[in-house]
N, C-alpha and C. Protein backbone atom coordinates (compact mmCIF):
# COMPACT_ATOMS: atom_id res chain seq x y z
N MET A 1 0.85 -1.19 0.00
CA MET A 1 0.00 0.00 0.00
C MET A 1 0.89 1.24 0.00
N ILE A 2 0.69 2.12 -0.97
CA ILE A 2 1.42 3.39 -1.02
C ILE A 2 0.53 4.47 -0.41
N ASN A 3 1.07 5.19 0.55
CA ASN A 3 0.35 6.31 1.16
C ASN A 3 0.82 7.60 0.49
N ILE A 4 -0.06 8.20 -0.30
CA ILE A 4 0.26 9.39 -1.06
C ILE A 4 -0.32 10.60 -0.34
N LEU A 5 0.51 11.60 -0.10
CA LEU A 5 0.06 12.83 0.54
C LEU A 5 0.09 13.95 -0.49
N VAL A 6 -1.05 14.60 -0.70
CA VAL A 6 -1.15 15.72 -1.64
C VAL A 6 -1.35 16.99 -0.82
N ALA A 7 -0.42 17.92 -0.94
CA ALA A 7 -0.49 19.15 -0.17
C ALA A 7 -0.64 20.36 -1.08
N CYS A 8 -1.53 21.26 -0.70
CA CYS A 8 -1.69 22.52 -1.43
C CYS A 8 -1.80 23.65 -0.43
N GLY A 9 -1.96 24.86 -0.93
CA GLY A 9 -2.00 26.03 -0.05
C GLY A 9 -3.01 25.92 1.06
N SER A 10 -4.25 25.57 0.72
CA SER A 10 -5.31 25.54 1.72
C SER A 10 -5.69 24.12 2.17
N GLY A 11 -5.30 23.13 1.39
CA GLY A 11 -5.67 21.76 1.71
C GLY A 11 -7.03 21.37 1.17
N VAL A 12 -7.63 22.21 0.31
CA VAL A 12 -8.97 21.92 -0.19
C VAL A 12 -9.00 21.84 -1.71
N ALA A 13 -9.06 22.97 -2.37
CA ALA A 13 -9.40 23.00 -3.80
C ALA A 13 -8.36 22.34 -4.72
N THR A 14 -7.16 22.89 -4.75
CA THR A 14 -6.20 22.36 -5.72
C THR A 14 -5.73 20.96 -5.35
N SER A 15 -5.69 20.63 -4.06
CA SER A 15 -5.27 19.27 -3.69
C SER A 15 -6.32 18.25 -4.14
N THR A 16 -7.59 18.64 -4.14
CA THR A 16 -8.64 17.74 -4.63
C THR A 16 -8.48 17.51 -6.12
N LEU A 17 -8.23 18.58 -6.85
CA LEU A 17 -8.01 18.47 -8.30
C LEU A 17 -6.78 17.59 -8.58
N ALA A 18 -5.69 17.84 -7.86
CA ALA A 18 -4.47 17.05 -8.05
C ALA A 18 -4.70 15.60 -7.67
N ALA A 19 -5.44 15.34 -6.59
CA ALA A 19 -5.71 13.97 -6.15
C ALA A 19 -6.48 13.20 -7.22
N ASP A 20 -7.41 13.87 -7.90
CA ASP A 20 -8.15 13.21 -8.98
C ASP A 20 -7.21 12.80 -10.10
N GLU A 21 -6.25 13.65 -10.42
CA GLU A 21 -5.27 13.32 -11.45
C GLU A 21 -4.36 12.17 -10.99
N VAL A 22 -4.00 12.17 -9.72
CA VAL A 22 -3.16 11.09 -9.19
C VAL A 22 -3.90 9.76 -9.31
N LYS A 23 -5.20 9.75 -8.99
CA LYS A 23 -6.00 8.54 -9.15
C LYS A 23 -5.99 8.06 -10.59
N SER A 24 -6.09 9.00 -11.51
CA SER A 24 -6.07 8.67 -12.93
C SER A 24 -4.73 8.06 -13.33
N VAL A 25 -3.63 8.62 -12.84
CA VAL A 25 -2.30 8.08 -13.14
C VAL A 25 -2.16 6.68 -12.54
N CYS A 26 -2.63 6.49 -11.32
CA CYS A 26 -2.57 5.16 -10.70
C CYS A 26 -3.31 4.14 -11.55
N ALA A 27 -4.48 4.50 -12.05
CA ALA A 27 -5.26 3.60 -12.90
C ALA A 27 -4.49 3.28 -14.18
N GLU A 28 -3.89 4.31 -14.76
CA GLU A 28 -3.14 4.14 -16.01
C GLU A 28 -1.96 3.18 -15.83
N TYR A 29 -1.34 3.22 -14.67
CA TYR A 29 -0.16 2.39 -14.39
C TYR A 29 -0.52 1.12 -13.60
N ASN A 30 -1.79 0.80 -13.53
CA ASN A 30 -2.26 -0.40 -12.84
C ASN A 30 -1.82 -0.47 -11.38
N ILE A 31 -1.79 0.68 -10.73
CA ILE A 31 -1.47 0.75 -9.31
C ILE A 31 -2.81 0.79 -8.56
N THR A 32 -3.07 -0.25 -7.79
CA THR A 32 -4.38 -0.35 -7.14
C THR A 32 -4.31 -0.21 -5.63
N LYS A 33 -3.14 -0.46 -5.05
CA LYS A 33 -3.04 -0.42 -3.60
C LYS A 33 -2.40 0.90 -3.16
N TYR A 34 -3.25 1.90 -2.98
CA TYR A 34 -2.77 3.20 -2.56
C TYR A 34 -3.86 3.91 -1.78
N SER A 35 -3.45 4.88 -0.99
CA SER A 35 -4.41 5.78 -0.36
C SER A 35 -3.90 7.20 -0.60
N ILE A 36 -4.85 8.13 -0.70
CA ILE A 36 -4.49 9.52 -0.92
C ILE A 36 -5.04 10.34 0.24
N ASN A 37 -4.16 11.08 0.88
CA ASN A 37 -4.57 12.02 1.91
C ASN A 37 -4.24 13.42 1.43
N LYS A 38 -5.06 14.38 1.81
CA LYS A 38 -4.84 15.76 1.41
C LYS A 38 -4.61 16.62 2.65
N CYS A 39 -3.76 17.62 2.50
CA CYS A 39 -3.52 18.55 3.60
C CYS A 39 -3.08 19.89 3.04
N SER A 40 -3.01 20.87 3.91
CA SER A 40 -2.47 22.17 3.52
C SER A 40 -0.96 22.13 3.67
N MET A 41 -0.29 23.10 3.06
CA MET A 41 1.17 23.16 3.18
C MET A 41 1.59 23.32 4.64
N SER A 42 0.82 24.06 5.43
CA SER A 42 1.18 24.25 6.84
C SER A 42 1.02 22.97 7.65
N GLU A 43 0.13 22.06 7.20
CA GLU A 43 -0.06 20.79 7.90
C GLU A 43 0.96 19.73 7.47
N LEU A 44 1.66 20.01 6.39
CA LEU A 44 2.56 19.01 5.81
C LEU A 44 3.54 18.37 6.81
N PRO A 45 4.27 19.17 7.60
CA PRO A 45 5.21 18.53 8.54
C PRO A 45 4.57 17.52 9.48
N SER A 46 3.35 17.79 9.94
CA SER A 46 2.70 16.89 10.88
C SER A 46 2.11 15.65 10.19
N GLN A 47 1.96 15.70 8.88
CA GLN A 47 1.38 14.59 8.13
C GLN A 47 2.46 13.66 7.53
N LEU A 48 3.70 14.10 7.54
CA LEU A 48 4.77 13.37 6.85
C LEU A 48 4.95 11.93 7.31
N SER A 49 4.78 11.69 8.60
CA SER A 49 5.08 10.36 9.13
C SER A 49 4.20 9.28 8.52
N GLN A 50 3.02 9.65 8.03
CA GLN A 50 2.11 8.66 7.45
C GLN A 50 2.25 8.53 5.94
N ALA A 51 3.15 9.30 5.32
CA ALA A 51 3.23 9.33 3.86
C ALA A 51 4.44 8.57 3.34
N ASP A 52 4.25 7.90 2.19
CA ASP A 52 5.37 7.27 1.47
C ASP A 52 5.91 8.20 0.40
N VAL A 53 5.03 9.04 -0.13
CA VAL A 53 5.42 9.99 -1.17
C VAL A 53 4.60 11.26 -0.98
N VAL A 54 5.23 12.41 -1.24
CA VAL A 54 4.58 13.70 -1.04
C VAL A 54 4.48 14.42 -2.38
N LEU A 55 3.27 14.85 -2.71
CA LEU A 55 3.03 15.61 -3.93
C LEU A 55 2.51 16.98 -3.53
N THR A 56 3.11 18.03 -4.06
CA THR A 56 2.69 19.38 -3.68
C THR A 56 2.27 20.17 -4.92
N THR A 57 1.31 21.07 -4.73
CA THR A 57 0.86 21.90 -5.85
C THR A 57 1.59 23.23 -5.88
N ASN A 58 2.38 23.53 -4.87
CA ASN A 58 3.25 24.70 -4.93
C ASN A 58 4.60 24.34 -4.33
N ASN A 59 5.57 25.22 -4.48
CA ASN A 59 6.93 24.89 -4.07
C ASN A 59 7.03 24.72 -2.56
N TYR A 60 7.73 23.68 -2.16
CA TYR A 60 7.99 23.44 -0.74
C TYR A 60 9.50 23.43 -0.54
N LYS A 61 9.97 24.30 0.31
CA LYS A 61 11.42 24.48 0.45
C LYS A 61 12.04 23.62 1.55
N GLY A 62 11.23 23.05 2.41
CA GLY A 62 11.77 22.29 3.53
C GLY A 62 12.32 20.93 3.10
N ASP A 63 12.97 20.26 4.02
CA ASP A 63 13.49 18.92 3.77
C ASP A 63 12.40 17.92 4.11
N ILE A 64 11.95 17.19 3.12
CA ILE A 64 10.86 16.24 3.34
C ILE A 64 11.40 14.87 3.74
N GLY A 65 12.52 14.48 3.16
CA GLY A 65 13.12 13.20 3.52
C GLY A 65 12.40 12.00 2.95
N LYS A 66 11.52 12.26 1.99
CA LYS A 66 10.76 11.19 1.32
C LYS A 66 10.67 11.56 -0.15
N PRO A 67 10.30 10.61 -1.00
CA PRO A 67 10.09 10.99 -2.40
C PRO A 67 9.09 12.14 -2.48
N HIS A 68 9.45 13.17 -3.25
CA HIS A 68 8.63 14.38 -3.32
C HIS A 68 8.60 14.87 -4.76
N MET A 69 7.45 15.32 -5.18
CA MET A 69 7.32 15.83 -6.53
C MET A 69 6.28 16.94 -6.55
N SER A 70 6.54 17.97 -7.34
CA SER A 70 5.54 19.01 -7.55
C SER A 70 4.56 18.52 -8.61
N VAL A 71 3.28 18.66 -8.33
CA VAL A 71 2.25 18.30 -9.30
C VAL A 71 1.48 19.55 -9.74
N ALA A 72 2.17 20.69 -9.72
CA ALA A 72 1.54 21.95 -10.13
C ALA A 72 1.02 21.87 -11.56
N GLY A 73 1.66 21.06 -12.40
CA GLY A 73 1.23 20.93 -13.79
C GLY A 73 -0.19 20.40 -13.93
N PHE A 74 -0.66 19.65 -12.94
CA PHE A 74 -2.04 19.17 -12.98
C PHE A 74 -3.02 20.33 -12.79
N ILE A 75 -2.57 21.39 -12.13
CA ILE A 75 -3.42 22.55 -11.91
C ILE A 75 -3.33 23.51 -13.09
N THR A 76 -2.10 23.72 -13.58
CA THR A 76 -1.88 24.70 -14.65
C THR A 76 -2.11 24.10 -16.04
N GLY A 77 -1.98 22.78 -16.16
CA GLY A 77 -2.08 22.14 -17.47
C GLY A 77 -0.78 22.18 -18.26
N ILE A 78 0.27 22.75 -17.68
CA ILE A 78 1.56 22.86 -18.36
C ILE A 78 2.34 21.56 -18.21
N ASN A 79 2.79 21.00 -19.35
CA ASN A 79 3.57 19.75 -19.34
C ASN A 79 2.87 18.63 -18.61
N GLU A 80 1.56 18.57 -18.74
CA GLU A 80 0.78 17.59 -17.97
C GLU A 80 1.13 16.15 -18.36
N GLU A 81 1.33 15.90 -19.65
CA GLU A 81 1.66 14.53 -20.08
C GLU A 81 2.98 14.07 -19.49
N ALA A 82 3.99 14.94 -19.53
CA ALA A 82 5.30 14.60 -18.96
C ALA A 82 5.18 14.37 -17.46
N LEU A 83 4.36 15.18 -16.81
CA LEU A 83 4.15 15.04 -15.37
C LEU A 83 3.47 13.71 -15.05
N ARG A 84 2.47 13.33 -15.83
CA ARG A 84 1.78 12.05 -15.62
C ARG A 84 2.78 10.89 -15.73
N LYS A 85 3.65 10.96 -16.73
CA LYS A 85 4.64 9.90 -16.94
C LYS A 85 5.63 9.84 -15.77
N LYS A 86 6.13 11.01 -15.37
CA LYS A 86 7.09 11.06 -14.26
C LYS A 86 6.46 10.52 -12.98
N LEU A 87 5.22 10.93 -12.70
CA LEU A 87 4.53 10.46 -11.51
C LEU A 87 4.27 8.95 -11.59
N GLY A 88 3.84 8.48 -12.75
CA GLY A 88 3.61 7.05 -12.93
C GLY A 88 4.85 6.23 -12.66
N GLU A 89 5.98 6.72 -13.15
CA GLU A 89 7.25 6.01 -12.93
C GLU A 89 7.65 6.05 -11.46
N LEU A 90 7.45 7.19 -10.81
CA LEU A 90 7.77 7.32 -9.38
C LEU A 90 6.93 6.33 -8.56
N LEU A 91 5.63 6.31 -8.81
CA LEU A 91 4.74 5.44 -8.04
C LEU A 91 5.01 3.97 -8.34
N THR A 92 5.27 3.65 -9.62
CA THR A 92 5.61 2.27 -9.98
C THR A 92 6.87 1.82 -9.25
N GLY A 93 7.85 2.71 -9.16
CA GLY A 93 9.07 2.41 -8.43
C GLY A 93 8.81 2.13 -6.95
N LEU A 94 7.90 2.88 -6.37
CA LEU A 94 7.54 2.65 -4.96
C LEU A 94 6.85 1.30 -4.79
N VAL A 95 5.96 0.96 -5.72
CA VAL A 95 5.27 -0.34 -5.67
C VAL A 95 6.29 -1.46 -5.75
N ASP A 96 7.23 -1.34 -6.71
CA ASP A 96 8.26 -2.36 -6.90
C ASP A 96 9.13 -2.47 -5.65
N HIS A 97 9.44 -1.34 -5.04
CA HIS A 97 10.28 -1.31 -3.86
C HIS A 97 9.61 -1.99 -2.67
N GLN A 98 8.30 -1.82 -2.57
CA GLN A 98 7.56 -2.41 -1.45
C GLN A 98 7.29 -3.89 -1.66
N GLY A 99 7.46 -4.33 -2.91
CA GLY A 99 7.24 -5.75 -3.20
C GLY A 99 5.80 -6.04 -3.38
C-alpha cells in the first residue's frame, strides 16, 4: 500500500483536483493499492510520518526526507503529459520497492 500525501496552499481545492489526477495516473499504471490524503502546506510537517510519497501543488522548500514531486502541472495544465509519466514512474518504483 502506497500512502500518497497531496499538499496545497489551503488543503482543499487544488489538492482535490491534483488527487483526482493522481487517481487517474494510478489507474493508467495499474497501481491499485494506494491511499491519498490531502492537507495544507502548513499541515505538511505533521502529516509526513504517514506518507510514502509527497506531492505538492506549490513549491515546498523544507526537507521532506521522502520521495517528493511538484504536481503543479495538474493545476496549470503545463507539461501535464510529462508530469503524468514522471509520476507514474515514481509510483511504480515505490510499488516495486515495497514488493
